[in-house]
Amino acid sequence: MSKRKVKNLLQLGTLHIFYILLCFLSLVPILYALQLSFSGSGGALSSGLSILPQDFTLDNYRRIITEKPFLRWFSNSAVLAVLTMVIAIGFAVVAAYAFSRYRFRGRTGILKVLLLLNAFPQILSMFALFRLLKEMHMLDTKLGLVIIYAGSMCIFSIWNMKGYFDTIPTEIEEASKIDGASDFQLLWKIVMPLALPAIIVTAVMVLIFVWNEYLFSTTFLLNENSYTLAGGLYQLQSNDYSRSWSMFAAAAILVSLPVLVIFFCIQKYMVSGLTAGGVKG
């Protein structure tokens, strides 16, 4: 074996070891939370850093489901996430296709304005949105929050899917038009199946954003029964006298499970959906 091959193997091995260690370090907080969720002790600092839980028990999971309105929080988050995903993706697919295929006056300016709005910090718009929802009697309602989420995530979805639409050859659409396909048939039966990886990945990213969103959900939802999972988890730790880190860890694990399941289901679409969406702007 030549020295060059030996050198390449050593470099590749070192790189793999480095990434393995990096992955292990990133898993330490997750493994600790998992161990704490099965532990009978209530303190986060008193349980140590062992992999196996002390006093193994499922009582923390039972208590978070039966003693706390966790299922209500879960339902609220699921409704908000699904409604936002459907509305945002529905509008974004049509808009992204229009920006990709049609050359109309003001197209570039609109795209720049959308990009600027997407970069605008959310916290700066909270007061205006709060007043607007209050005037429209939509404060502490799911519909008001869905409108805010869908409006903000629609911009991201347009930009992400437009880049993917740009990579689809126009010759396919021209051939379909010759065969008599209408614009709706062209989008529904030709373009969308080809852009399925980008649509799925964008939809899941919207879903995860709403699922984990904390700032707006805790500001615009004022009733405990309307809390999302993010607001509900905060309420678990808001009282110093009733704080239980083991139960909080169990709730955090339960919150993460749906996201993990969805991620593994769409894993094959992740690379093509993300990389192709960023090829063109």
C-alpha atoms as a PDB file:
ATOM      1  CA  MET A   1       0.000   0.000   0.000  1.00  0.00           C
ATOM      2  CA  SER A   2       1.397   3.377  -0.983  1.00  0.00           C
ATOM      3  CA  LYS A   3       2.124   6.142   1.494  1.00  0.00           C
ATOM      4  CA  ARG A   4      -0.551   8.295  -0.106  1.00  0.00           C
ATOM      5  CA  LYS A   5      -3.243   5.666   0.504  1.00  0.00           C
ATOM      6  CA  VAL A   6      -2.076   5.168   4.101  1.00  0.00           C
ATOM      7  CA  LYS A   7      -2.216   8.915   4.679  1.00  0.00           C
ATOM      8  CA  ASN A   8      -5.731   9.138   3.218  1.00  0.00           C
ATOM      9  CA  LEU A   9      -6.905   6.224   5.369  1.00  0.00           C
ATOM     10  CA  LEU A  10      -5.469   7.828   8.510  1.00  0.00           C
ATOM     11  CA  GLN A  11      -7.110  11.162   7.705  1.00  0.00           C
ATOM     12  CA  LEU A  12     -10.435   9.472   6.971  1.00  0.00           C
ATOM     13  CA  GLY A  13     -10.241   7.392  10.152  1.00  0.00           C
ATOM     14  CA  THR A  14      -9.407  10.433  12.263  1.00  0.00           C
ATOM     15  CA  LEU A  15     -12.307  12.332  10.734  1.00  0.00           C
ATOM     16  CA  HIS A  16     -14.710   9.480  11.440  1.00  0.00           C
ATOM     17  CA  ILE A  17     -13.534   9.214  15.054  1.00  0.00           C
ATOM     18  CA  PHE A  18     -13.992  12.970  15.483  1.00  0.00           C
ATOM     19  CA  TYR A  19     -17.564  12.858  14.149  1.00  0.00           C
ATOM     20  CA  ILE A  20     -18.423   9.838  16.287  1.00  0.00           C
ATOM     21  CA  LEU A  21     -17.214  11.648  19.402  1.00  0.00           C
ATOM     22  CA  LEU A  22     -19.118  14.754  18.353  1.00  0.00           C
ATOM     23  CA  CYS A  23     -22.325  12.740  17.906  1.00  0.00           C
ATOM     24  CA  PHE A  24     -21.800  11.094  21.280  1.00  0.00           C
ATOM     25  CA  LEU A  25     -21.351  14.462  22.998  1.00  0.00           C
ATOM     26  CA  SER A  26     -24.525  15.780  21.373  1.00  0.00           C
ATOM     27  CA  LEU A  27     -26.423  12.717  22.621  1.00  0.00           C
ATOM     28  CA  VAL A  28     -25.335  13.169  26.245  1.00  0.00           C
ATOM     29  CA  PRO A  29     -28.132  15.655  27.177  1.00  0.00           C
ATOM     30  CA  ILE A  30     -30.725  13.448  25.471  1.00  0.00           C
ATOM     31  CA  LEU A  31     -29.505  10.292  27.227  1.00  0.00           C
ATOM     32  CA  TYR A  32     -29.439  12.161  30.539  1.00  0.00           C
ATOM     33  CA  ALA A  33     -33.037  13.372  30.059  1.00  0.00           C
ATOM     34  CA  LEU A  34     -34.096   9.803  29.157  1.00  0.00           C
ATOM     35  CA  GLN A  35     -32.368   8.429  32.246  1.00  0.00           C
ATOM     36  CA  LEU A  36     -33.936  11.122  34.430  1.00  0.00           C
ATOM     37  CA  SER A  37     -37.426  10.430  33.059  1.00  0.00           C
ATOM     38  CA  PHE A  38     -37.223   6.819  34.273  1.00  0.00           C
ATOM     39  CA  SER A  39     -35.692   7.778  37.606  1.00  0.00           C
ATOM     40  CA  GLY A  40     -37.615   7.922  40.856  1.00  0.00           C
ATOM     41  CA  SER A  41     -35.616  10.880  42.190  1.00  0.00           C
ATOM     42  CA  GLY A  42     -37.058  14.337  41.626  1.00  0.00           C
ATOM     43  CA  GLY A  43     -33.842  16.325  41.433  1.00  0.00           C
ATOM     44  CA  ALA A  44     -31.918  16.920  38.247  1.00  0.00           C
ATOM     45  CA  LEU A  45     -28.603  17.421  40.028  1.00  0.00           C
ATOM     46  CA  SER A  46     -28.928  14.738  42.682  1.00  0.00           C
ATOM     47  CA  SER A  47     -29.416  11.809  40.294  1.00  0.00           C
ATOM     48  CA  GLY A  48     -25.876  11.793  38.898  1.00  0.00           C
ATOM     49  CA  LEU A  49     -24.777  11.171  35.328  1.00  0.00           C
ATOM     50  CA  SER A  50     -25.171   7.404  35.150  1.00  0.00           C
ATOM     51  CA  ILE A  51     -26.647   5.854  32.008  1.00  0.00           C
ATOM     52  CA  LEU A  52     -28.968   3.521  33.928  1.00  0.00           C
ATOM     53  CA  PRO A  53     -31.741   5.264  35.932  1.00  0.00           C
ATOM     54  CA  GLN A  54     -31.848   5.105  39.695  1.00  0.00           C
ATOM     55  CA  ASP A  55     -35.000   3.459  41.058  1.00  0.00           C
ATOM     56  CA  PHE A  56     -36.397   2.639  37.598  1.00  0.00           C
ATOM     57  CA  THR A  57     -40.053   3.618  37.331  1.00  0.00           C
ATOM     58  CA  LEU A  58     -42.693   4.614  34.773  1.00  0.00           C
ATOM     59  CA  ASP A  59     -44.497   6.741  37.322  1.00  0.00           C
ATOM     60  CA  ASN A  60     -43.267   9.999  35.766  1.00  0.00           C
ATOM     61  CA  TYR A  61     -44.928   9.147  32.452  1.00  0.00           C
ATOM     62  CA  ARG A  62     -48.121   8.072  34.228  1.00  0.00           C
ATOM     63  CA  ARG A  63     -48.270  11.300  36.245  1.00  0.00           C
ATOM     64  CA  ILE A  64     -47.663  13.610  33.272  1.00  0.00           C
ATOM     65  CA  ILE A  65     -50.517  11.953  31.353  1.00  0.00           C
ATOM     66  CA  THR A  66     -53.040  11.478  34.173  1.00  0.00           C
ATOM     67  CA  GLU A  67     -52.327  14.327  36.616  1.00  0.00           C
ATOM     68  CA  LYS A  68     -51.490  17.089  34.137  1.00  0.00           C
ATOM     69  CA  PRO A  69     -53.435  18.291  31.061  1.00  0.00           C
ATOM     70  CA  PHE A  70     -50.671  16.938  28.826  1.00  0.00           C
ATOM     71  CA  LEU A  71     -53.053  15.328  26.334  1.00  0.00           C
ATOM     72  CA  ARG A  72     -54.889  18.652  25.998  1.00  0.00           C
ATOM     73  CA  TRP A  73     -51.601  20.439  25.303  1.00  0.00           C
ATOM     74  CA  PHE A  74     -50.670  17.722  22.836  1.00  0.00           C
ATOM     75  CA  SER A  75     -53.990  18.095  21.033  1.00  0.00           C
ATOM     76  CA  ASN A  76     -53.641  21.887  20.851  1.00  0.00           C
ATOM     77  CA  SER A  77     -50.148  21.649  19.378  1.00  0.00           C
ATOM     78  CA  ALA A  78     -51.226  19.002  16.869  1.00  0.00           C
ATOM     79  CA  VAL A  79     -54.191  21.095  15.671  1.00  0.00           C
ATOM     80  CA  LEU A  80     -52.089  24.247  15.322  1.00  0.00           C
ATOM     81  CA  ALA A  81     -49.248  22.424  13.559  1.00  0.00           C
ATOM     82  CA  VAL A  82     -51.457  20.564  11.055  1.00  0.00           C
ATOM     83  CA  LEU A  83     -53.653  23.569  10.202  1.00  0.00           C
ATOM     84  CA  THR A  84     -50.616  25.815   9.768  1.00  0.00           C
ATOM     85  CA  MET A  85     -48.876  23.247   7.583  1.00  0.00           C
ATOM     86  CA  VAL A  86     -51.912  22.777   5.309  1.00  0.00           C
ATOM     87  CA  ILE A  87     -52.555  26.509   4.870  1.00  0.00           C
ATOM     88  CA  ALA A  88     -48.904  27.545   4.486  1.00  0.00           C
ATOM     89  CA  ILE A  89     -47.998  24.763   2.038  1.00  0.00           C
ATOM     90  CA  GLY A  90     -51.231  25.210   0.075  1.00  0.00           C
ATOM     91  CA  PHE A  91     -50.518  28.879  -0.602  1.00  0.00           C
ATOM     92  CA  ALA A  92     -46.747  28.437  -0.901  1.00  0.00           C
ATOM     93  CA  VAL A  93     -46.891  25.749  -3.621  1.00  0.00           C
ATOM     94  CA  VAL A  94     -48.971  27.942  -5.922  1.00  0.00           C
ATOM     95  CA  ALA A  95     -46.958  31.091  -5.157  1.00  0.00           C
ATOM     96  CA  ALA A  96     -43.571  29.364  -5.501  1.00  0.00           C
ATOM     97  CA  TYR A  97     -44.564  27.890  -8.855  1.00  0.00           C
ATOM     98  CA  ALA A  98     -45.720  31.308 -10.085  1.00  0.00           C
ATOM     99  CA  PHE A  99     -42.462  32.967  -9.000  1.00  0.00           C
ATOM    100  CA  SER A 100     -40.461  30.168 -10.622  1.00  0.00           C
ATOM    101  CA  ARG A 101     -42.209  29.968 -13.989  1.00  0.00           C
ATOM    102  CA  TYR A 102     -43.719  33.385 -14.731  1.00  0.00           C
ATOM    103  CA  ARG A 103     -41.803  36.597 -15.379  1.00  0.00           C
ATOM    104  CA  PHE A 104     -44.072  39.464 -14.334  1.00  0.00           C
ATOM    105  CA  ARG A 105     -43.420  43.053 -13.322  1.00  0.00           C
ATOM    106  CA  GLY A 106     -42.274  43.423  -9.728  1.00  0.00           C
ATOM    107  CA  ARG A 107     -41.380  39.738  -9.354  1.00  0.00           C
ATOM    108  CA  THR A 108     -37.837  40.347  -8.104  1.00  0.00           C
ATOM    109  CA  GLY A 109     -38.955  43.162  -5.813  1.00  0.00           C
ATOM    110  CA  ILE A 110     -41.650  41.001  -4.213  1.00  0.00           C
ATOM    111  CA  LEU A 111     -39.161  38.201  -3.597  1.00  0.00           C
ATOM    112  CA  LYS A 112     -36.767  40.646  -1.926  1.00  0.00           C
ATOM    113  CA  VAL A 113     -39.548  42.045   0.254  1.00  0.00           C
ATOM    114  CA  LEU A 114     -40.552  38.515   1.285  1.00  0.00           C
ATOM    115  CA  LEU A 115     -36.944  37.730   2.167  1.00  0.00           C
ATOM    116  CA  LEU A 116     -36.747  40.936   4.234  1.00  0.00           C
ATOM    117  CA  LEU A 117     -39.966  40.062   6.064  1.00  0.00           C
ATOM    118  CA  ASN A 118     -38.621  36.588   6.812  1.00  0.00           C
ATOM    119  CA  ALA A 119     -35.494  38.133   8.353  1.00  0.00           C
ATOM    120  CA  PHE A 120     -37.548  40.522  10.509  1.00  0.00           C
ATOM    121  CA  PRO A 121     -37.280  39.533  14.221  1.00  0.00           C
ATOM    122  CA  GLN A 122     -40.534  38.089  15.502  1.00  0.00           C
ATOM    123  CA  ILE A 123     -40.311  39.746  18.886  1.00  0.00           C
ATOM    124  CA  LEU A 124     -40.473  43.215  17.299  1.00  0.00           C
ATOM    125  CA  SER A 125     -43.889  42.446  15.818  1.00  0.00           C
ATOM    126  CA  MET A 126     -45.419  40.974  18.977  1.00  0.00           C
ATOM    127  CA  PHE A 127     -47.038  44.188  20.241  1.00  0.00           C
ATOM    128  CA  ALA A 128     -48.614  44.981  16.873  1.00  0.00           C
ATOM    129  CA  LEU A 129     -49.877  41.420  16.456  1.00  0.00           C
ATOM    130  CA  PHE A 130     -51.263  41.413  19.996  1.00  0.00           C
ATOM    131  CA  ARG A 131     -53.222  44.631  19.358  1.00  0.00           C
ATOM    132  CA  LEU A 132     -54.425  43.334  16.004  1.00  0.00           C
ATOM    133  CA  LEU A 133     -55.695  40.053  17.437  1.00  0.00           C
ATOM    134  CA  LYS A 134     -57.351  41.890  20.311  1.00  0.00           C
ATOM    135  CA  GLU A 135     -59.179  44.255  17.953  1.00  0.00           C
ATOM    136  CA  MET A 136     -60.326  41.305  15.841  1.00  0.00           C
ATOM    137  CA  HIS A 137     -61.465  39.373  18.968  1.00  0.00           C
ATOM    138  CA  MET A 138     -59.116  36.549  18.035  1.00  0.00           C
ATOM    139  CA  LEU A 139     -56.904  36.687  21.101  1.00  0.00           C
ATOM    140  CA  ASP A 140     -56.598  33.361  22.911  1.00  0.00           C
ATOM    141  CA  THR A 141     -57.941  31.483  19.883  1.00  0.00           C
ATOM    142  CA  LYS A 142     -56.328  28.831  17.711  1.00  0.00           C
ATOM    143  CA  LEU A 143     -57.449  30.589  14.528  1.00  0.00           C
ATOM    144  CA  GLY A 144     -55.561  33.779  15.370  1.00  0.00           C
ATOM    145  CA  LEU A 145     -52.374  31.860  16.092  1.00  0.00           C
ATOM    146  CA  VAL A 146     -52.759  29.757  12.937  1.00  0.00           C
ATOM    147  CA  ILE A 147     -53.004  32.935  10.835  1.00  0.00           C
ATOM    148  CA  ILE A 148     -49.788  34.291  12.380  1.00  0.00           C
ATOM    149  CA  TYR A 149     -47.929  31.006  11.969  1.00  0.00           C
ATOM    150  CA  ALA A 150     -49.149  30.440   8.411  1.00  0.00           C
ATOM    151  CA  GLY A 151     -48.222  33.967   7.368  1.00  0.00           C
ATOM    152  CA  SER A 152     -44.680  33.714   8.680  1.00  0.00           C
ATOM    153  CA  MET A 153     -44.011  30.149   7.500  1.00  0.00           C
ATOM    154  CA  CYS A 154     -45.548  30.754   4.072  1.00  0.00           C
ATOM    155  CA  ILE A 155     -42.653  33.092   3.251  1.00  0.00           C
ATOM    156  CA  PHE A 156     -40.075  30.461   4.171  1.00  0.00           C
ATOM    157  CA  SER A 157     -41.978  27.810   2.222  1.00  0.00           C
ATOM    158  CA  ILE A 158     -42.148  29.961  -0.917  1.00  0.00           C
ATOM    159  CA  TRP A 159     -38.404  30.527  -0.970  1.00  0.00           C
ATOM    160  CA  ASN A 160     -37.543  26.907  -0.221  1.00  0.00           C
ATOM    161  CA  MET A 161     -39.868  25.409  -2.849  1.00  0.00           C
ATOM    162  CA  LYS A 162     -39.139  28.022  -5.507  1.00  0.00           C
ATOM    163  CA  GLY A 163     -35.535  26.843  -5.620  1.00  0.00           C
ATOM    164  CA  TYR A 164     -36.729  23.279  -6.205  1.00  0.00           C
ATOM    165  CA  PHE A 165     -39.212  24.308  -8.909  1.00  0.00           C
ATOM    166  CA  ASP A 166     -36.359  26.078 -10.703  1.00  0.00           C
ATOM    167  CA  THR A 167     -34.558  22.737 -11.065  1.00  0.00           C
ATOM    168  CA  ILE A 168     -37.508  21.034 -12.829  1.00  0.00           C
ATOM    169  CA  PRO A 169     -37.017  21.168 -16.634  1.00  0.00           C
ATOM    170  CA  THR A 170     -39.608  23.303 -18.401  1.00  0.00           C
ATOM    171  CA  GLU A 171     -39.619  20.872 -21.345  1.00  0.00           C
ATOM    172  CA  ILE A 172     -41.758  18.456 -19.313  1.00  0.00           C
ATOM    173  CA  GLU A 173     -44.402  21.119 -18.794  1.00  0.00           C
ATOM    174  CA  GLU A 174     -44.275  22.240 -22.425  1.00  0.00           C
ATOM    175  CA  ALA A 175     -44.885  18.668 -23.585  1.00  0.00           C
ATOM    176  CA  SER A 176     -47.862  18.415 -21.236  1.00  0.00           C
ATOM    177  CA  LYS A 177     -49.314  21.665 -22.570  1.00  0.00           C
ATOM    178  CA  ILE A 178     -49.076  20.312 -26.103  1.00  0.00           C
ATOM    179  CA  ASP A 179     -51.083  17.291 -24.932  1.00  0.00           C
ATOM    180  CA  GLY A 180     -53.810  19.668 -23.723  1.00  0.00           C
ATOM    181  CA  ALA A 181     -53.126  19.862 -19.977  1.00  0.00           C
ATOM    182  CA  SER A 182     -54.539  22.909 -18.197  1.00  0.00           C
ATOM    183  CA  ASP A 183     -52.513  25.003 -15.737  1.00  0.00           C
ATOM    184  CA  PHE A 184     -54.150  23.270 -12.765  1.00  0.00           C
ATOM    185  CA  GLN A 185     -53.537  19.791 -14.224  1.00  0.00           C
ATOM    186  CA  LEU A 186     -49.966  20.791 -15.003  1.00  0.00           C
ATOM    187  CA  LEU A 187     -49.351  21.825 -11.397  1.00  0.00           C
ATOM    188  CA  TRP A 188     -51.270  18.964  -9.771  1.00  0.00           C
ATOM    189  CA  LYS A 189     -50.303  16.001 -11.952  1.00  0.00           C
ATOM    190  CA  ILE A 190     -46.881  16.955 -13.328  1.00  0.00           C
ATOM    191  CA  VAL A 191     -45.069  19.500 -11.161  1.00  0.00           C
ATOM    192  CA  MET A 192     -46.153  18.467  -7.678  1.00  0.00           C
ATOM    193  CA  PRO A 193     -45.200  14.763  -8.041  1.00  0.00           C
ATOM    194  CA  LEU A 194     -41.770  15.850  -9.286  1.00  0.00           C
ATOM    195  CA  ALA A 195     -41.403  18.335  -6.425  1.00  0.00           C
ATOM    196  CA  LEU A 196     -42.654  15.899  -3.784  1.00  0.00           C
ATOM    197  CA  PRO A 197     -39.337  15.752  -1.835  1.00  0.00           C
ATOM    198  CA  ALA A 198     -39.223  19.540  -1.450  1.00  0.00           C
ATOM    199  CA  ILE A 199     -42.903  19.746  -0.517  1.00  0.00           C
ATOM    200  CA  ILE A 200     -42.607  17.005   2.112  1.00  0.00           C
ATOM    201  CA  VAL A 201     -39.448  18.431   3.674  1.00  0.00           C
ATOM    202  CA  THR A 202     -40.849  21.973   3.728  1.00  0.00           C
ATOM    203  CA  ALA A 203     -44.123  20.759   5.235  1.00  0.00           C
ATOM    204  CA  VAL A 204     -42.286  18.868   7.978  1.00  0.00           C
ATOM    205  CA  MET A 205     -40.098  21.884   8.752  1.00  0.00           C
ATOM    206  CA  VAL A 206     -43.237  24.013   9.120  1.00  0.00           C
ATOM    207  CA  LEU A 207     -44.760  21.327  11.334  1.00  0.00           C
ATOM    208  CA  ILE A 208     -41.679  21.160  13.565  1.00  0.00           C
ATOM    209  CA  PHE A 209     -41.490  24.950  13.851  1.00  0.00           C
ATOM    210  CA  VAL A 210     -45.072  25.214  15.090  1.00  0.00           C
ATOM    211  CA  TRP A 211     -44.636  22.162  17.323  1.00  0.00           C
ATOM    212  CA  ASN A 212     -41.670  23.750  19.114  1.00  0.00           C
ATOM    213  CA  GLU A 213     -42.728  27.429  18.948  1.00  0.00           C
ATOM    214  CA  TYR A 214     -42.830  29.078  22.362  1.00  0.00           C
ATOM    215  CA  LEU A 215     -42.879  32.879  22.103  1.00  0.00           C
ATOM    216  CA  PHE A 216     -46.180  33.472  20.298  1.00  0.00           C
ATOM    217  CA  SER A 217     -47.990  30.517  21.869  1.00  0.00           C
ATOM    218  CA  THR A 218     -47.333  31.718  25.423  1.00  0.00           C
ATOM    219  CA  THR A 219     -48.140  35.347  24.549  1.00  0.00           C
ATOM    220  CA  PHE A 220     -51.375  34.954  22.577  1.00  0.00           C
ATOM    221  CA  LEU A 221     -52.840  31.922  24.368  1.00  0.00           C
ATOM    222  CA  LEU A 222     -53.909  33.059  27.831  1.00  0.00           C
ATOM    223  CA  ASN A 223     -55.952  30.102  29.075  1.00  0.00           C
ATOM    224  CA  GLU A 224     -54.336  26.996  30.553  1.00  0.00           C
ATOM    225  CA  ASN A 225     -56.645  24.751  28.511  1.00  0.00           C
ATOM    226  CA  SER A 226     -55.453  26.386  25.288  1.00  0.00           C
ATOM    227  CA  TYR A 227     -51.716  26.034  26.029  1.00  0.00           C
ATOM    228  CA  THR A 228     -49.505  24.263  23.547  1.00  0.00           C
ATOM    229  CA  LEU A 229     -46.826  21.784  24.600  1.00  0.00           C
ATOM    230  CA  ALA A 230     -44.198  24.526  24.800  1.00  0.00           C
ATOM    231  CA  GLY A 231     -46.325  26.621  27.140  1.00  0.00           C
ATOM    232  CA  GLY A 232     -47.405  23.578  29.099  1.00  0.00           C
ATOM    233  CA  LEU A 233     -43.822  22.448  29.710  1.00  0.00           C
ATOM    234  CA  TYR A 234     -42.989  25.922  30.988  1.00  0.00           C
ATOM    235  CA  GLN A 235     -45.905  25.736  33.419  1.00  0.00           C
ATOM    236  CA  LEU A 236     -44.520  22.486  34.805  1.00  0.00           C
ATOM    237  CA  GLN A 237     -41.390  24.315  35.942  1.00  0.00           C
ATOM    238  CA  SER A 238     -42.886  27.713  36.796  1.00  0.00           C
ATOM    239  CA  ASN A 239     -43.563  26.868  40.452  1.00  0.00           C
ATOM    240  CA  ASP A 240     -40.490  26.350  42.643  1.00  0.00           C
ATOM    241  CA  TYR A 241     -42.517  24.385  45.205  1.00  0.00           C
ATOM    242  CA  SER A 242     -44.040  21.848  42.823  1.00  0.00           C
ATOM    243  CA  ARG A 243     -41.091  21.445  40.466  1.00  0.00           C
ATOM    244  CA  SER A 244     -40.272  17.908  39.402  1.00  0.00           C
ATOM    245  CA  TRP A 245     -37.400  17.524  36.940  1.00  0.00           C
ATOM    246  CA  SER A 246     -38.114  13.833  36.452  1.00  0.00           C
ATOM    247  CA  MET A 247     -41.671  14.522  35.335  1.00  0.00           C
ATOM    248  CA  PHE A 248     -40.448  17.419  33.187  1.00  0.00           C
ATOM    249  CA  ALA A 249     -37.938  15.092  31.497  1.00  0.00           C
ATOM    250  CA  ALA A 250     -40.685  12.535  30.853  1.00  0.00           C
ATOM    251  CA  ALA A 251     -42.845  15.241  29.258  1.00  0.00           C
ATOM    252  CA  ALA A 252     -39.929  16.432  27.124  1.00  0.00           C
ATOM    253  CA  ILE A 253     -39.320  12.872  25.869  1.00  0.00           C
ATOM    254  CA  LEU A 254     -43.000  12.472  24.975  1.00  0.00           C
ATOM    255  CA  VAL A 255     -42.966  15.802  23.128  1.00  0.00           C
ATOM    256  CA  SER A 256     -39.931  14.727  21.096  1.00  0.00           C
ATOM    257  CA  LEU A 257     -41.265  11.320  20.030  1.00  0.00           C
ATOM    258  CA  PRO A 258     -43.681  12.525  17.280  1.00  0.00           C
ATOM    259  CA  VAL A 259     -40.948  14.659  15.728  1.00  0.00           C
ATOM    260  CA  LEU A 260     -38.521  11.718  15.725  1.00  0.00           C
ATOM    261  CA  VAL A 261     -41.094   9.419  14.117  1.00  0.00           C
ATOM    262  CA  ILE A 262     -41.857  11.967  11.391  1.00  0.00           C
ATOM    263  CA  PHE A 263     -38.157  12.595  10.781  1.00  0.00           C
ATOM    264  CA  PHE A 264     -37.365   8.908  10.289  1.00  0.00           C
ATOM    265  CA  CYS A 265     -40.366   8.510   7.978  1.00  0.00           C
ATOM    266  CA  ILE A 266     -39.201  11.286   5.633  1.00  0.00           C
ATOM    267  CA  GLN A 267     -35.454  10.726   5.988  1.00  0.00           C
ATOM    268  CA  LYS A 268     -35.093   9.595   2.376  1.00  0.00           C
ATOM    269  CA  TYR A 269     -36.502  12.929   1.183  1.00  0.00           C
ATOM    270  CA  MET A 270     -34.299  15.126   3.398  1.00  0.00           C
ATOM    271  CA  VAL A 271     -31.143  15.334   1.281  1.00  0.00           C
ATOM    272  CA  SER A 272     -32.811  15.903  -2.093  1.00  0.00           C
ATOM    273  CA  GLY A 273     -35.446  18.223  -0.669  1.00  0.00           C
ATOM    274  CA  LEU A 274     -33.003  20.498   1.139  1.00  0.00           C
ATOM    275  CA  THR A 275     -30.082  20.573  -1.291  1.00  0.00           C
ATOM    276  CA  ALA A 276     -32.100  21.036  -4.478  1.00  0.00           C
ATOM    277  CA  GLY A 277     -34.192  23.746  -2.824  1.00  0.00           C
ATOM    278  CA  GLY A 278     -31.094  25.828  -2.254  1.00  0.00           C
ATOM    279  CA  VAL A 279     -29.597  25.553  -5.735  1.00  0.00           C
ATOM    280  CA  LYS A 280     -31.272  28.656  -7.115  1.00  0.00           C
ATOM    281  CA  GLY A 281     -32.681  31.726  -5.494  1.00  0.00           C
END
